[in-house]
């Protein structure tokens, strides 16, 4: 269960860092960065509960992350250049987070 906890926490923190970096420095639309960096704030909402192993937070965060999975998938097929790599990693980290939270909840509920 500790592996699932660390996997969820690390993937969420990595996703926050990725979104901030992507939208501030590598946004293809504006050279100064984008206001889309605000979406990283959404990822900060479940961070405290994830770090405290709050089961309820794991449950709703697993649904919240699907928005980022969808965005990553859409941008993976629509972006070009470096942004495409960021979109791939966003999709990958979203899947890792989703699976680790789902299995964490399953382990917690089976006890």
PDB file of N, CA and C in Angstrom:
ATOM      1  N   UNK A   1       0.825  -1.196   0.000  1.00  0.00           N
ATOM      2  CA  UNK A   1       0.000   0.000   0.000  1.00  0.00           C
ATOM      3  C   UNK A   1       0.868   1.258   0.000  1.00  0.00           C
ATOM      4  N   UNK A   2       2.034   1.193   0.632  1.00  0.00           N
ATOM      5  CA  UNK A   2       2.923   2.350   0.619  1.00  0.00           C
ATOM      6  C   UNK A   2       3.400   2.683  -0.789  1.00  0.00           C
ATOM      7  N   UNK A   3       3.577   1.662  -1.622  1.00  0.00           N
ATOM      8  CA  UNK A   3       3.993   1.908  -3.002  1.00  0.00           C
ATOM      9  C   UNK A   3       2.925   2.689  -3.748  1.00  0.00           C
ATOM     10  N   UNK A   4       1.666   2.334  -3.528  1.00  0.00           N
ATOM     11  CA  UNK A   4       0.568   3.046  -4.175  1.00  0.00           C
ATOM     12  C   UNK A   4       0.484   4.485  -3.689  1.00  0.00           C
ATOM     13  N   UNK A   5       0.710   4.682  -2.403  1.00  0.00           N
ATOM     14  CA  UNK A   5       0.710   6.031  -1.833  1.00  0.00           C
ATOM     15  C   UNK A   5       1.795   6.883  -2.475  1.00  0.00           C
ATOM     16  N   UNK A   6       3.014   6.350  -2.531  1.00  0.00           N
ATOM     17  CA  UNK A   6       4.124   7.103  -3.120  1.00  0.00           C
ATOM     18  C   UNK A   6       3.921   7.331  -4.613  1.00  0.00           C
ATOM     19  N   UNK A   7       3.365   6.364  -5.282  1.00  0.00           N
ATOM     20  CA  UNK A   7       3.093   6.507  -6.707  1.00  0.00           C
ATOM     21  C   UNK A   7       2.065   7.609  -6.960  1.00  0.00           C
ATOM     22  N   UNK A   8       1.012   7.629  -6.164  1.00  0.00           N
ATOM     23  CA  UNK A   8      -0.016   8.667  -6.307  1.00  0.00           C
ATOM     24  C   UNK A   8       0.545  10.043  -5.974  1.00  0.00           C
ATOM     25  N   UNK A   9       1.264  10.143  -4.870  1.00  0.00           N
ATOM     26  CA  UNK A   9       1.814  11.436  -4.454  1.00  0.00           C
ATOM     27  C   UNK A   9       2.836  11.956  -5.457  1.00  0.00           C
ATOM     28  N   UNK A  10       3.730  11.105  -5.899  1.00  0.00           N
ATOM     29  CA  UNK A  10       4.766  11.536  -6.848  1.00  0.00           C
ATOM     30  C   UNK A  10       4.174  11.907  -8.200  1.00  0.00           C
ATOM     31  N   UNK A  11       3.206  11.154  -8.664  1.00  0.00           N
ATOM     32  CA  UNK A  11       2.605  11.484  -9.962  1.00  0.00           C
ATOM     33  C   UNK A  11       1.812  12.786  -9.889  1.00  0.00           C
ATOM     34  N   UNK A  12       1.150  13.045  -8.769  1.00  0.00           N
ATOM     35  CA  UNK A  12       0.410  14.304  -8.624  1.00  0.00           C
ATOM     36  C   UNK A  12       1.362  15.495  -8.556  1.00  0.00           C
ATOM     37  N   UNK A  13       2.412  15.380  -7.773  1.00  0.00           N
ATOM     38  CA  UNK A  13       3.387  16.471  -7.675  1.00  0.00           C
ATOM     39  C   UNK A  13       4.070  16.690  -9.027  1.00  0.00           C
ATOM     40  N   UNK A  14       4.395  15.616  -9.720  1.00  0.00           N
ATOM     41  CA  UNK A  14       4.999  15.734 -11.051  1.00  0.00           C
ATOM     42  C   UNK A  14       4.051  16.402 -12.034  1.00  0.00           C
ATOM     43  N   UNK A  15       2.774  16.092 -11.920  1.00  0.00           N
ATOM     44  CA  UNK A  15       1.773  16.700 -12.804  1.00  0.00           C
ATOM     45  C   UNK A  15       1.646  18.199 -12.531  1.00  0.00           C
ATOM     46  N   UNK A  16       1.732  18.590 -11.279  1.00  0.00           N
ATOM     47  CA  UNK A  16       1.681  20.015 -10.931  1.00  0.00           C
ATOM     48  C   UNK A  16       2.879  20.739 -11.534  1.00  0.00           C
ATOM     49  N   UNK A  17       4.058  20.177 -11.344  1.00  0.00           N
ATOM     50  CA  UNK A  17       5.280  20.787 -11.884  1.00  0.00           C
ATOM     51  C   UNK A  17       5.232  20.838 -13.408  1.00  0.00           C
ATOM     52  N   UNK A  18       4.782  19.759 -14.030  1.00  0.00           N
ATOM     53  CA  UNK A  18       4.686  19.706 -15.483  1.00  0.00           C
ATOM     54  C   UNK A  18       3.753  20.787 -16.012  1.00  0.00           C
ATOM     55  N   UNK A  19       2.584  20.956 -15.400  1.00  0.00           N
ATOM     56  CA  UNK A  19       1.624  21.954 -15.882  1.00  0.00           C
ATOM     57  C   UNK A  19       2.140  23.372 -15.713  1.00  0.00           C
ATOM     58  N   UNK A  20       2.801  23.643 -14.599  1.00  0.00           N
ATOM     59  CA  UNK A  20       3.358  24.987 -14.395  1.00  0.00           C
ATOM     60  C   UNK A  20       4.446  25.268 -15.429  1.00  0.00           C
ATOM     61  N   UNK A  21       5.345  24.324 -15.609  1.00  0.00           N
ATOM     62  CA  UNK A  21       6.434  24.490 -16.576  1.00  0.00           C
ATOM     63  C   UNK A  21       5.899  24.629 -17.998  1.00  0.00           C
ATOM     64  N   UNK A  22       4.963  23.771 -18.348  1.00  0.00           N
ATOM     65  CA  UNK A  22       4.403  23.766 -19.695  1.00  0.00           C
ATOM     66  C   UNK A  22       3.744  25.089 -20.028  1.00  0.00           C
ATOM     67  N   UNK A  23       2.877  25.553 -19.149  1.00  0.00           N
ATOM     68  CA  UNK A  23       2.094  26.751 -19.475  1.00  0.00           C
ATOM     69  C   UNK A  23       2.872  28.046 -19.311  1.00  0.00           C
ATOM     70  N   UNK A  24       3.890  28.067 -18.451  1.00  0.00           N
ATOM     71  CA  UNK A  24       4.656  29.302 -18.300  1.00  0.00           C
ATOM     72  C   UNK A  24       5.783  29.446 -19.321  1.00  0.00           C
ATOM     73  N   UNK A  25       6.454  28.350 -19.642  1.00  0.00           N
ATOM     74  CA  UNK A  25       7.663  28.455 -20.449  1.00  0.00           C
ATOM     75  C   UNK A  25       7.566  27.845 -21.842  1.00  0.00           C
ATOM     76  N   UNK A  26       6.689  26.890 -22.046  1.00  0.00           N
ATOM     77  CA  UNK A  26       6.646  26.187 -23.326  1.00  0.00           C
ATOM     78  C   UNK A  26       5.301  26.279 -24.027  1.00  0.00           C
ATOM     79  N   UNK A  27       4.484  27.229 -23.626  1.00  0.00           N
ATOM     80  CA  UNK A  27       3.186  27.386 -24.257  1.00  0.00           C
ATOM     81  C   UNK A  27       3.371  27.859 -25.697  1.00  0.00           C
ATOM     82  N   UNK A  28       2.798  27.150 -26.663  1.00  0.00           N
ATOM     83  CA  UNK A  28       3.027  27.507 -28.060  1.00  0.00           C
ATOM     84  C   UNK A  28       2.259  28.747 -28.516  1.00  0.00           C
ATOM     85  N   UNK A  29       1.262  29.199 -27.768  1.00  0.00           N
ATOM     86  CA  UNK A  29       0.430  30.298 -28.234  1.00  0.00           C
ATOM     87  C   UNK A  29       0.983  31.669 -27.856  1.00  0.00           C
ATOM     88  N   UNK A  30       1.577  31.790 -26.683  1.00  0.00           N
ATOM     89  CA  UNK A  30       2.067  33.083 -26.224  1.00  0.00           C
ATOM     90  C   UNK A  30       3.485  32.939 -25.688  1.00  0.00           C
ATOM     91  N   UNK A  31       4.329  33.872 -26.040  1.00  0.00           N
ATOM     92  CA  UNK A  31       5.722  33.800 -25.605  1.00  0.00           C
ATOM     93  C   UNK A  31       5.885  34.101 -24.112  1.00  0.00           C
ATOM     94  N   UNK A  32       5.006  34.904 -23.541  1.00  0.00           N
ATOM     95  CA  UNK A  32       5.122  35.286 -22.134  1.00  0.00           C
ATOM     96  C   UNK A  32       4.553  34.239 -21.186  1.00  0.00           C
ATOM     97  N   UNK A  33       3.966  33.190 -21.694  1.00  0.00           N
ATOM     98  CA  UNK A  33       3.289  32.213 -20.841  1.00  0.00           C
ATOM     99  C   UNK A  33       1.791  32.365 -20.993  1.00  0.00           C
ATOM    100  N   UNK A  34       1.073  31.498 -20.357  1.00  0.00           N
ATOM    101  CA  UNK A  34      -0.366  31.465 -20.534  1.00  0.00           C
ATOM    102  C   UNK A  34      -1.074  31.519 -19.186  1.00  0.00           C
ATOM    103  N   UNK A  35      -2.280  32.058 -19.191  1.00  0.00           N
ATOM    104  CA  UNK A  35      -3.105  32.039 -17.994  1.00  0.00           C
ATOM    105  C   UNK A  35      -3.601  30.631 -17.666  1.00  0.00           C
ATOM    106  N   UNK A  36      -3.357  29.699 -18.575  1.00  0.00           N
ATOM    107  CA  UNK A  36      -3.755  28.315 -18.331  1.00  0.00           C
ATOM    108  C   UNK A  36      -2.960  27.694 -17.184  1.00  0.00           C
ATOM    109  N   UNK A  37      -1.949  28.390 -16.710  1.00  0.00           N
ATOM    110  CA  UNK A  37      -1.180  27.900 -15.569  1.00  0.00           C
ATOM    111  C   UNK A  37      -2.071  27.797 -14.330  1.00  0.00           C
ATOM    112  N   UNK A  38      -3.189  28.479 -14.364  1.00  0.00           N
ATOM    113  CA  UNK A  38      -4.138  28.435 -13.245  1.00  0.00           C
ATOM    114  C   UNK A  38      -4.666  27.020 -13.038  1.00  0.00           C
ATOM    115  N   UNK A  39      -4.660  26.210 -14.080  1.00  0.00           N
ATOM    116  CA  UNK A  39      -5.155  24.837 -13.928  1.00  0.00           C
ATOM    117  C   UNK A  39      -4.306  24.032 -12.959  1.00  0.00           C
ATOM    118  N   UNK A  40      -3.075  24.461 -12.724  1.00  0.00           N
ATOM    119  CA  UNK A  40      -2.229  23.777 -11.740  1.00  0.00           C
ATOM    120  C   UNK A  40      -2.782  23.966 -10.323  1.00  0.00           C
ATOM    121  N   UNK A  41      -3.502  25.050 -10.105  1.00  0.00           N
ATOM    122  CA  UNK A  41      -4.127  25.283  -8.798  1.00  0.00           C
ATOM    123  C   UNK A  41      -5.166  24.209  -8.510  1.00  0.00           C
ATOM    124  N   UNK A  42      -5.855  23.779  -9.542  1.00  0.00           N
ATOM    125  CA  UNK A  42      -6.843  22.705  -9.386  1.00  0.00           C
ATOM    126  C   UNK A  42      -6.165  21.437  -8.876  1.00  0.00           C
ATOM    127  N   UNK A  43      -4.951  21.191  -9.350  1.00  0.00           N
ATOM    128  CA  UNK A  43      -4.219  20.008  -8.899  1.00  0.00           C
ATOM    129  C   UNK A  43      -3.700  20.153  -7.464  1.00  0.00           C
ATOM    130  N   UNK A  44      -3.597  21.384  -6.986  1.00  0.00           N
ATOM    131  CA  UNK A  44      -3.158  21.596  -5.607  1.00  0.00           C
ATOM    132  C   UNK A  44      -4.254  21.265  -4.594  1.00  0.00           C
ATOM    133  N   UNK A  45      -5.502  21.302  -5.040  1.00  0.00           N
ATOM    134  CA  UNK A  45      -6.625  21.050  -4.126  1.00  0.00           C
ATOM    135  C   UNK A  45      -6.552  19.681  -3.445  1.00  0.00           C
ATOM    136  N   UNK A  46      -6.306  18.592  -4.160  1.00  0.00           N
ATOM    137  CA  UNK A  46      -6.258  17.293  -3.482  1.00  0.00           C
ATOM    138  C   UNK A  46      -4.901  16.952  -2.859  1.00  0.00           C
ATOM    139  N   UNK A  47      -3.887  17.778  -3.058  1.00  0.00           N
ATOM    140  CA  UNK A  47      -2.536  17.421  -2.629  1.00  0.00           C
ATOM    141  C   UNK A  47      -2.433  17.135  -1.136  1.00  0.00           C
ATOM    142  N   UNK A  48      -3.008  17.974  -0.315  1.00  0.00           N
ATOM    143  CA  UNK A  48      -2.924  17.771   1.132  1.00  0.00           C
ATOM    144  C   UNK A  48      -3.596  16.464   1.552  1.00  0.00           C
ATOM    145  N   UNK A  49      -4.765  16.180   1.011  1.00  0.00           N
ATOM    146  CA  UNK A  49      -5.469  14.942   1.342  1.00  0.00           C
ATOM    147  C   UNK A  49      -4.746  13.704   0.845  1.00  0.00           C
ATOM    148  N   UNK A  50      -4.115  13.824  -0.314  1.00  0.00           N
ATOM    149  CA  UNK A  50      -3.334  12.700  -0.846  1.00  0.00           C
ATOM    150  C   UNK A  50      -2.143  12.417   0.064  1.00  0.00           C
ATOM    151  N   UNK A  51      -1.459  13.468   0.489  1.00  0.00           N
ATOM    152  CA  UNK A  51      -0.295  13.291   1.359  1.00  0.00           C
ATOM    153  C   UNK A  51      -0.678  12.761   2.742  1.00  0.00           C
ATOM    154  N   UNK A  52      -1.906  13.052   3.181  1.00  0.00           N
ATOM    155  CA  UNK A  52      -2.378  12.567   4.488  1.00  0.00           C
ATOM    156  C   UNK A  52      -3.097  11.225   4.398  1.00  0.00           C
ATOM    157  N   UNK A  53      -3.147  10.652   3.207  1.00  0.00           N
ATOM    158  CA  UNK A  53      -3.798   9.359   2.944  1.00  0.00           C
ATOM    159  C   UNK A  53      -5.288   9.368   3.285  1.00  0.00           C
ATOM    160  N   UNK A  54      -5.948  10.464   2.965  1.00  0.00           N
ATOM    161  CA  UNK A  54      -7.383  10.594   3.192  1.00  0.00           C
ATOM    162  C   UNK A  54      -8.120   9.844   2.085  1.00  0.00           C
ATOM    163  N   UNK A  55      -8.851   8.808   2.451  1.00  0.00           N
ATOM    164  CA  UNK A  55      -9.515   7.950   1.471  1.00  0.00           C
ATOM    165  C   UNK A  55     -10.508   8.729   0.614  1.00  0.00           C
ATOM    166  N   UNK A  56     -11.276   9.611   1.222  1.00  0.00           N
ATOM    167  CA  UNK A  56     -12.251  10.397   0.478  1.00  0.00           C
ATOM    168  C   UNK A  56     -11.563  11.249  -0.592  1.00  0.00           C
ATOM    169  N   UNK A  57     -10.412  11.830  -0.274  1.00  0.00           N
ATOM    170  CA  UNK A  57      -9.669  12.632  -1.251  1.00  0.00           C
ATOM    171  C   UNK A  57      -9.191  11.766  -2.412  1.00  0.00           C
ATOM    172  N   UNK A  58      -8.737  10.569  -2.104  1.00  0.00           N
ATOM    173  CA  UNK A  58      -8.314   9.648  -3.167  1.00  0.00           C
ATOM    174  C   UNK A  58      -9.478   9.341  -4.107  1.00  0.00           C
ATOM    175  N   UNK A  59     -10.664   9.207  -3.549  1.00  0.00           N
ATOM    176  CA  UNK A  59     -11.822   8.867  -4.375  1.00  0.00           C
ATOM    177  C   UNK A  59     -12.190   9.999  -5.325  1.00  0.00           C
ATOM    178  N   UNK A  60     -12.325  11.222  -4.812  1.00  0.00           N
ATOM    179  CA  UNK A  60     -12.739  12.291  -5.714  1.00  0.00           C
ATOM    180  C   UNK A  60     -11.598  12.774  -6.605  1.00  0.00           C
ATOM    181  N   UNK A  61     -10.350  12.648  -6.145  1.00  0.00           N
ATOM    182  CA  UNK A  61      -9.223  13.060  -6.977  1.00  0.00           C
ATOM    183  C   UNK A  61      -9.051  12.119  -8.171  1.00  0.00           C
ATOM    184  N   UNK A  62      -9.437  10.851  -7.988  1.00  0.00           N
ATOM    185  CA  UNK A  62      -9.339   9.914  -9.110  1.00  0.00           C
ATOM    186  C   UNK A  62     -10.305  10.294 -10.232  1.00  0.00           C
ATOM    187  N   UNK A  63     -11.392  10.951  -9.899  1.00  0.00           N
ATOM    188  CA  UNK A  63     -12.318  11.423 -10.929  1.00  0.00           C
ATOM    189  C   UNK A  63     -11.868  12.769 -11.498  1.00  0.00           C
ATOM    190  N   UNK A  64     -11.318  13.611 -10.655  1.00  0.00           N
ATOM    191  CA  UNK A  64     -10.832  14.925 -11.094  1.00  0.00           C
ATOM    192  C   UNK A  64      -9.717  14.788 -12.125  1.00  0.00           C
ATOM    193  N   UNK A  65      -8.861  13.810 -11.949  1.00  0.00           N
ATOM    194  CA  UNK A  65      -7.693  13.659 -12.814  1.00  0.00           C
ATOM    195  C   UNK A  65      -8.089  13.297 -14.244  1.00  0.00           C
ATOM    196  N   UNK A  66      -9.297  12.798 -14.418  1.00  0.00           N
ATOM    197  CA  UNK A  66      -9.752  12.439 -15.770  1.00  0.00           C
ATOM    198  C   UNK A  66      -9.860  13.664 -16.680  1.00  0.00           C
ATOM    199  N   UNK A  67     -10.072  14.836 -16.092  1.00  0.00           N
ATOM    200  CA  UNK A  67     -10.086  16.074 -16.871  1.00  0.00           C
ATOM    201  C   UNK A  67      -8.700  16.315 -17.474  1.00  0.00           C
ATOM    202  N   UNK A  68      -7.667  16.078 -16.678  1.00  0.00           N
ATOM    203  CA  UNK A  68      -6.298  16.282 -17.150  1.00  0.00           C
ATOM    204  C   UNK A  68      -5.895  15.196 -18.142  1.00  0.00           C
ATOM    205  N   UNK A  69      -6.412  14.003 -17.957  1.00  0.00           N
ATOM    206  CA  UNK A  69      -6.182  12.945 -18.939  1.00  0.00           C
ATOM    207  C   UNK A  69      -6.782  13.335 -20.283  1.00  0.00           C
ATOM    208  N   UNK A  70      -8.002  13.844 -20.252  1.00  0.00           N
ATOM    209  CA  UNK A  70      -8.674  14.255 -21.487  1.00  0.00           C
ATOM    210  C   UNK A  70      -7.933  15.395 -22.167  1.00  0.00           C
ATOM    211  N   UNK A  71      -7.522  16.387 -21.390  1.00  0.00           N
ATOM    212  CA  UNK A  71      -6.785  17.506 -21.974  1.00  0.00           C
ATOM    213  C   UNK A  71      -5.467  17.033 -22.583  1.00  0.00           C
ATOM    214  N   UNK A  72      -4.761  16.181 -21.867  1.00  0.00           N
ATOM    215  CA  UNK A  72      -3.491  15.664 -22.381  1.00  0.00           C
ATOM    216  C   UNK A  72      -3.663  14.880 -23.660  1.00  0.00           C
ATOM    217  N   UNK A  73      -4.707  14.072 -23.725  1.00  0.00           N
ATOM    218  CA  UNK A  73      -4.967  13.273 -24.919  1.00  0.00           C
ATOM    219  C   UNK A  73      -5.321  14.165 -26.113  1.00  0.00           C
ATOM    220  N   UNK A  74      -6.166  15.153 -25.885  1.00  0.00           N
ATOM    221  CA  UNK A  74      -6.554  16.059 -26.968  1.00  0.00           C
ATOM    222  C   UNK A  74      -5.345  16.846 -27.453  1.00  0.00           C
ATOM    223  N   UNK A  75      -4.570  17.358 -26.525  1.00  0.00           N
ATOM    224  CA  UNK A  75      -3.401  18.154 -26.916  1.00  0.00           C
ATOM    225  C   UNK A  75      -2.298  17.294 -27.533  1.00  0.00           C
ATOM    226  N   UNK A  76      -2.254  16.030 -27.177  1.00  0.00           N
ATOM    227  CA  UNK A  76      -1.284  15.122 -27.783  1.00  0.00           C
ATOM    228  C   UNK A  76      -1.514  15.012 -29.282  1.00  0.00           C
ATOM    229  N   UNK A  77      -2.762  15.002 -29.682  1.00  0.00           N
ATOM    230  CA  UNK A  77      -3.093  14.876 -31.099  1.00  0.00           C
ATOM    231  C   UNK A  77      -3.187  16.216 -31.823  1.00  0.00           C
ATOM    232  N   UNK A  78      -3.250  17.318 -31.080  1.00  0.00           N
ATOM    233  CA  UNK A  78      -3.415  18.610 -31.748  1.00  0.00           C
ATOM    234  C   UNK A  78      -2.179  19.505 -31.688  1.00  0.00           C
ATOM    235  N   UNK A  79      -1.271  19.253 -30.775  1.00  0.00           N
ATOM    236  CA  UNK A  79      -0.076  20.092 -30.628  1.00  0.00           C
ATOM    237  C   UNK A  79       1.050  19.599 -31.518  1.00  0.00           C
ATOM    238  N   UNK A  80       2.036  20.470 -31.712  1.00  0.00           N
ATOM    239  CA  UNK A  80       3.237  20.087 -32.446  1.00  0.00           C
ATOM    240  C   UNK A  80       4.450  20.486 -31.606  1.00  0.00           C
ATOM    241  N   UNK A  81       5.573  19.903 -31.899  1.00  0.00           N
ATOM    242  CA  UNK A  81       6.817  20.275 -31.236  1.00  0.00           C
ATOM    243  C   UNK A  81       6.899  19.793 -29.796  1.00  0.00           C
ATOM    244  N   UNK A  82       7.513  20.620 -28.973  1.00  0.00           N
ATOM    245  CA  UNK A  82       7.762  20.275 -27.571  1.00  0.00           C
ATOM    246  C   UNK A  82       6.461  20.064 -26.798  1.00  0.00           C
ATOM    247  N   UNK A  83       5.446  20.821 -27.141  1.00  0.00           N
ATOM    248  CA  UNK A  83       4.162  20.695 -26.440  1.00  0.00           C
ATOM    249  C   UNK A  83       3.586  19.293 -26.545  1.00  0.00           C
ATOM    250  N   UNK A  84       3.892  18.629 -27.614  1.00  0.00           N
ATOM    251  CA  UNK A  84       3.397  17.262 -27.797  1.00  0.00           C
ATOM    252  C   UNK A  84       3.998  16.331 -26.735  1.00  0.00           C
ATOM    253  N   UNK A  85       5.256  16.541 -26.392  1.00  0.00           N
ATOM    254  CA  UNK A  85       5.891  15.733 -25.345  1.00  0.00           C
ATOM    255  C   UNK A  85       5.277  16.014 -23.980  1.00  0.00           C
ATOM    256  N   UNK A  86       5.013  17.298 -23.723  1.00  0.00           N
ATOM    257  CA  UNK A  86       4.348  17.648 -22.472  1.00  0.00           C
ATOM    258  C   UNK A  86       2.969  17.004 -22.390  1.00  0.00           C
ATOM    259  N   UNK A  87       2.253  16.996 -23.498  1.00  0.00           N
ATOM    260  CA  UNK A  87       0.920  16.377 -23.535  1.00  0.00           C
ATOM    261  C   UNK A  87       1.018  14.876 -23.284  1.00  0.00           C
ATOM    262  N   UNK A  88       2.031  14.238 -23.856  1.00  0.00           N
ATOM    263  CA  UNK A  88       2.217  12.808 -23.617  1.00  0.00           C
ATOM    264  C   UNK A  88       2.470  12.533 -22.137  1.00  0.00           C
ATOM    265  N   UNK A  89       3.360  13.311 -21.528  1.00  0.00           N
ATOM    266  CA  UNK A  89       3.664  13.082 -20.116  1.00  0.00           C
ATOM    267  C   UNK A  89       2.482  13.424 -19.217  1.00  0.00           C
ATOM    268  N   UNK A  90       1.678  14.412 -19.597  1.00  0.00           N
ATOM    269  CA  UNK A  90       0.476  14.704 -18.822  1.00  0.00           C
ATOM    270  C   UNK A  90      -0.481  13.525 -18.881  1.00  0.00           C
ATOM    271  N   UNK A  91      -0.656  12.965 -20.053  1.00  0.00           N
ATOM    272  CA  UNK A  91      -1.525  11.792 -20.199  1.00  0.00           C
ATOM    273  C   UNK A  91      -0.981  10.620 -19.398  1.00  0.00           C
ATOM    274  N   UNK A  92       0.311  10.375 -19.499  1.00  0.00           N
ATOM    275  CA  UNK A  92       0.949   9.271 -18.776  1.00  0.00           C
ATOM    276  C   UNK A  92       0.826   9.443 -17.259  1.00  0.00           C
ATOM    277  N   UNK A  93       1.143  10.624 -16.754  1.00  0.00           N
ATOM    278  CA  UNK A  93       1.056  10.864 -15.302  1.00  0.00           C
ATOM    279  C   UNK A  93      -0.384  10.802 -14.809  1.00  0.00           C
ATOM    280  N   UNK A  94      -1.318  11.221 -15.634  1.00  0.00           N
ATOM    281  CA  UNK A  94      -2.733  11.117 -15.264  1.00  0.00           C
ATOM    282  C   UNK A  94      -3.157   9.664 -15.115  1.00  0.00           C
ATOM    283  N   UNK A  95      -2.701   8.818 -16.027  1.00  0.00           N
ATOM    284  CA  UNK A  95      -3.022   7.389 -15.948  1.00  0.00           C
ATOM    285  C   UNK A  95      -2.394   6.770 -14.708  1.00  0.00           C
ATOM    286  N   UNK A  96      -1.133   7.114 -14.444  1.00  0.00           N
ATOM    287  CA  UNK A  96      -0.449   6.584 -13.257  1.00  0.00           C
ATOM    288  C   UNK A  96      -1.180   7.008 -11.991  1.00  0.00           C
ATOM    289  N   UNK A  97      -1.547   8.282 -11.915  1.00  0.00           N
ATOM    290  CA  UNK A  97      -2.262   8.775 -10.735  1.00  0.00           C
ATOM    291  C   UNK A  97      -3.614   8.088 -10.586  1.00  0.00           C
ATOM    292  N   UNK A  98      -4.340   7.986 -11.686  1.00  0.00           N
ATOM    293  CA  UNK A  98      -5.659   7.364 -11.638  1.00  0.00           C
ATOM    294  C   UNK A  98      -5.569   5.919 -11.145  1.00  0.00           C
ATOM    295  N   UNK A  99      -4.683   5.146 -11.735  1.00  0.00           N
ATOM    296  CA  UNK A  99      -4.567   3.734 -11.351  1.00  0.00           C
ATOM    297  C   UNK A  99      -4.082   3.575  -9.908  1.00  0.00           C
ATOM    298  N   UNK A 100      -3.119   4.388  -9.496  1.00  0.00           N
ATOM    299  CA  UNK A 100      -2.625   4.253  -8.125  1.00  0.00           C
ATOM    300  C   UNK A 100      -3.684   4.652  -7.107  1.00  0.00           C
ATOM    301  N   UNK A 101      -4.493   5.661  -7.402  1.00  0.00           N
ATOM    302  CA  UNK A 101      -5.551   6.035  -6.459  1.00  0.00           C
ATOM    303  C   UNK A 101      -6.659   4.985  -6.407  1.00  0.00           C
ATOM    304  N   UNK A 102      -7.008   4.436  -7.548  1.00  0.00           N
ATOM    305  CA  UNK A 102      -8.049   3.407  -7.581  1.00  0.00           C
ATOM    306  C   UNK A 102      -7.613   2.182  -6.779  1.00  0.00           C
ATOM    307  N   UNK A 103      -6.394   1.727  -6.999  1.00  0.00           N
ATOM    308  CA  UNK A 103      -5.921   0.546  -6.274  1.00  0.00           C
ATOM    309  C   UNK A 103      -5.668   0.848  -4.800  1.00  0.00           C
ATOM    310  N   UNK A 104      -5.286   2.078  -4.482  1.00  0.00           N
ATOM    311  CA  UNK A 104      -5.140   2.475  -3.083  1.00  0.00           C
ATOM    312  C   UNK A 104      -6.495   2.400  -2.373  1.00  0.00           C
ATOM    313  N   UNK A 105      -7.523   2.915  -3.023  1.00  0.00           N
ATOM    314  CA  UNK A 105      -8.877   2.857  -2.436  1.00  0.00           C
ATOM    315  C   UNK A 105      -9.346   1.425  -2.275  1.00  0.00           C
ATOM    316  N   UNK A 106      -9.037   0.593  -3.244  1.00  0.00           N
ATOM    317  CA  UNK A 106      -9.434  -0.828  -3.171  1.00  0.00           C
ATOM    318  C   UNK A 106      -8.754  -1.502  -1.975  1.00  0.00           C
ATOM    319  N   UNK A 107      -7.467  -1.230  -1.784  1.00  0.00           N
ATOM    320  CA  UNK A 107      -6.729  -1.815  -0.650  1.00  0.00           C
ATOM    321  C   UNK A 107      -7.275  -1.323   0.688  1.00  0.00           C
ATOM    322  N   UNK A 108      -7.598  -0.041   0.752  1.00  0.00           N
ATOM    323  CA  UNK A 108      -8.100   0.544   2.002  1.00  0.00           C
ATOM    324  C   UNK A 108      -9.490  -0.015   2.333  1.00  0.00           C
ATOM    325  N   UNK A 109     -10.317  -0.221   1.320  1.00  0.00           N
ATOM    326  CA  UNK A 109     -11.670  -0.717   1.555  1.00  0.00           C
ATOM    327  C   UNK A 109     -11.702  -2.210   1.870  1.00  0.00           C
ATOM    328  N   UNK A 110     -10.666  -2.927   1.476  1.00  0.00           N
ATOM    329  CA  UNK A 110     -10.651  -4.370   1.738  1.00  0.00           C
ATOM    330  C   UNK A 110     -10.164  -4.689   3.154  1.00  0.00           C
ATOM    331  N   UNK A 111      -9.672  -3.682   3.864  1.00  0.00           N
ATOM    332  CA  UNK A 111      -9.193  -3.924   5.243  1.00  0.00           C
ATOM    333  C   UNK A 111     -10.335  -3.943   6.209  1.00  0.00           C
TER     334      UNK A 111
END
